[in-house]
C-alpha atoms as a PDB file:
ATOM      1  CA  UNK A   1    -174.434 -51.499  25.824  1.00  0.00           C
ATOM      2  CA  UNK A   2    -175.149 -54.751  27.584  1.00  0.00           C
ATOM      3  CA  UNK A   3    -172.957 -55.688  30.513  1.00  0.00           C
ATOM      4  CA  UNK A   4    -172.580 -59.212  31.748  1.00  0.00           C
ATOM      5  CA  UNK A   5    -171.035 -60.573  34.878  1.00  0.00           C
ATOM      6  CA  UNK A   6    -169.692 -64.014  35.435  1.00  0.00           C
ATOM      7  CA  UNK A   7    -169.940 -65.624  38.826  1.00  0.00           C
ATOM      8  CA  UNK A   8    -167.132 -68.005  39.584  1.00  0.00           C
ATOM      9  CA  UNK A   9    -168.071 -70.875  41.810  1.00  0.00           C
ATOM     10  CA  UNK A  10    -165.597 -72.563  44.102  1.00  0.00           C
ATOM     11  CA  UNK A  11    -164.385 -75.714  42.455  1.00  0.00           C
ATOM     12  CA  UNK A  12    -164.245 -78.862  44.516  1.00  0.00           C
ATOM     13  CA  UNK A  13    -160.801 -80.029  45.602  1.00  0.00           C
ATOM     14  CA  UNK A  14    -160.033 -83.206  43.717  1.00  0.00           C
ATOM     15  CA  UNK A  15    -156.952 -85.345  44.062  1.00  0.00           C
ATOM     16  CA  UNK A  16    -154.581 -86.574  41.385  1.00  0.00           C
ATOM     17  CA  UNK A  17    -156.100 -90.019  41.938  1.00  0.00           C
ATOM     18  CA  UNK A  18    -159.542 -88.610  41.133  1.00  0.00           C
ATOM     19  CA  UNK A  19    -158.169 -87.197  37.874  1.00  0.00           C
ATOM     20  CA  UNK A  20    -156.580 -90.525  36.947  1.00  0.00           C
ATOM     21  CA  UNK A  21    -159.798 -92.435  37.679  1.00  0.00           C
ATOM     22  CA  UNK A  22    -161.868 -90.009  35.608  1.00  0.00           C
ATOM     23  CA  UNK A  23    -159.489 -90.195  32.651  1.00  0.00           C
ATOM     24  CA  UNK A  24    -159.094 -93.979  32.861  1.00  0.00           C
ATOM     25  CA  UNK A  25    -162.856 -94.429  32.636  1.00  0.00           C
ATOM     26  CA  UNK A  26    -162.666 -92.897  29.135  1.00  0.00           C
ATOM     27  CA  UNK A  27    -159.523 -94.569  27.813  1.00  0.00           C
ATOM     28  CA  UNK A  28    -158.773 -98.013  26.443  1.00  0.00           C
ATOM     29  CA  UNK A  29    -155.572 -98.860  28.323  1.00  0.00           C
ATOM     30  CA  UNK A  30    -153.077 -97.541  30.843  1.00  0.00           C
ATOM     31  CA  UNK A  31    -150.717 -96.098  28.234  1.00  0.00           C
ATOM     32  CA  UNK A  32    -153.528 -93.959  26.871  1.00  0.00           C
ATOM     33  CA  UNK A  33    -154.456 -92.893  30.414  1.00  0.00           C
ATOM     34  CA  UNK A  34    -150.897 -91.821  31.201  1.00  0.00           C
ATOM     35  CA  UNK A  35    -150.642 -89.917  27.914  1.00  0.00           C
ATOM     36  CA  UNK A  36    -153.935 -88.097  28.505  1.00  0.00           C
ATOM     37  CA  UNK A  37    -153.079 -87.116  32.096  1.00  0.00           C
ATOM     38  CA  UNK A  38    -149.600 -85.981  31.020  1.00  0.00           C
ATOM     39  CA  UNK A  39    -151.144 -83.885  28.261  1.00  0.00           C
ATOM     40  CA  UNK A  40    -153.598 -82.254  30.676  1.00  0.00           C
ATOM     41  CA  UNK A  41    -150.784 -81.356  33.055  1.00  0.00           C
ATOM     42  CA  UNK A  42    -148.386 -80.162  30.342  1.00  0.00           C
ATOM     43  CA  UNK A  43    -150.997 -77.979  28.647  1.00  0.00           C
ATOM     44  CA  UNK A  44    -151.969 -76.262  31.889  1.00  0.00           C
ATOM     45  CA  UNK A  45    -155.604 -77.353  31.703  1.00  0.00           C
ATOM     46  CA  UNK A  46    -155.078 -79.093  35.042  1.00  0.00           C
ATOM     47  CA  UNK A  47    -152.918 -77.665  37.815  1.00  0.00           C
ATOM     48  CA  UNK A  48    -151.616 -79.375  40.913  1.00  0.00           C
ATOM     49  CA  UNK A  49    -151.889 -77.660  44.272  1.00  0.00           C
ATOM     50  CA  UNK A  50    -149.955 -78.463  47.433  1.00  0.00           C
ATOM     51  CA  UNK A  51    -150.487 -76.645  50.703  1.00  0.00           C
ATOM     52  CA  UNK A  52    -152.475 -73.922  48.941  1.00  0.00           C
ATOM     53  CA  UNK A  53    -149.779 -73.268  46.347  1.00  0.00           C
ATOM     54  CA  UNK A  54    -149.731 -74.434  42.761  1.00  0.00           C
ATOM     55  CA  UNK A  55    -146.823 -76.705  41.927  1.00  0.00           C
ATOM     56  CA  UNK A  56    -145.256 -77.637  38.635  1.00  0.00           C
ATOM     57  CA  UNK A  57    -145.735 -81.089  37.259  1.00  0.00           C
ATOM     58  CA  UNK A  58    -142.699 -82.449  35.488  1.00  0.00           C
ATOM     59  CA  UNK A  59    -143.893 -84.555  32.589  1.00  0.00           C
ATOM     60  CA  UNK A  60    -141.107 -86.806  31.299  1.00  0.00           C
END
């Protein structure tokens, strides 16, 4: 039986502004940017961290 191991690398700490800039470079307008960022936060694909603790993002 073959065993595999996965090495997890430390991810760089990026800000919410970095996320918005990255998403806005791929979208057509600001409404699409807001919708994409809200979707990323609501789905859990992106998490916000404050003082070493993950915080909830309220998407209205």
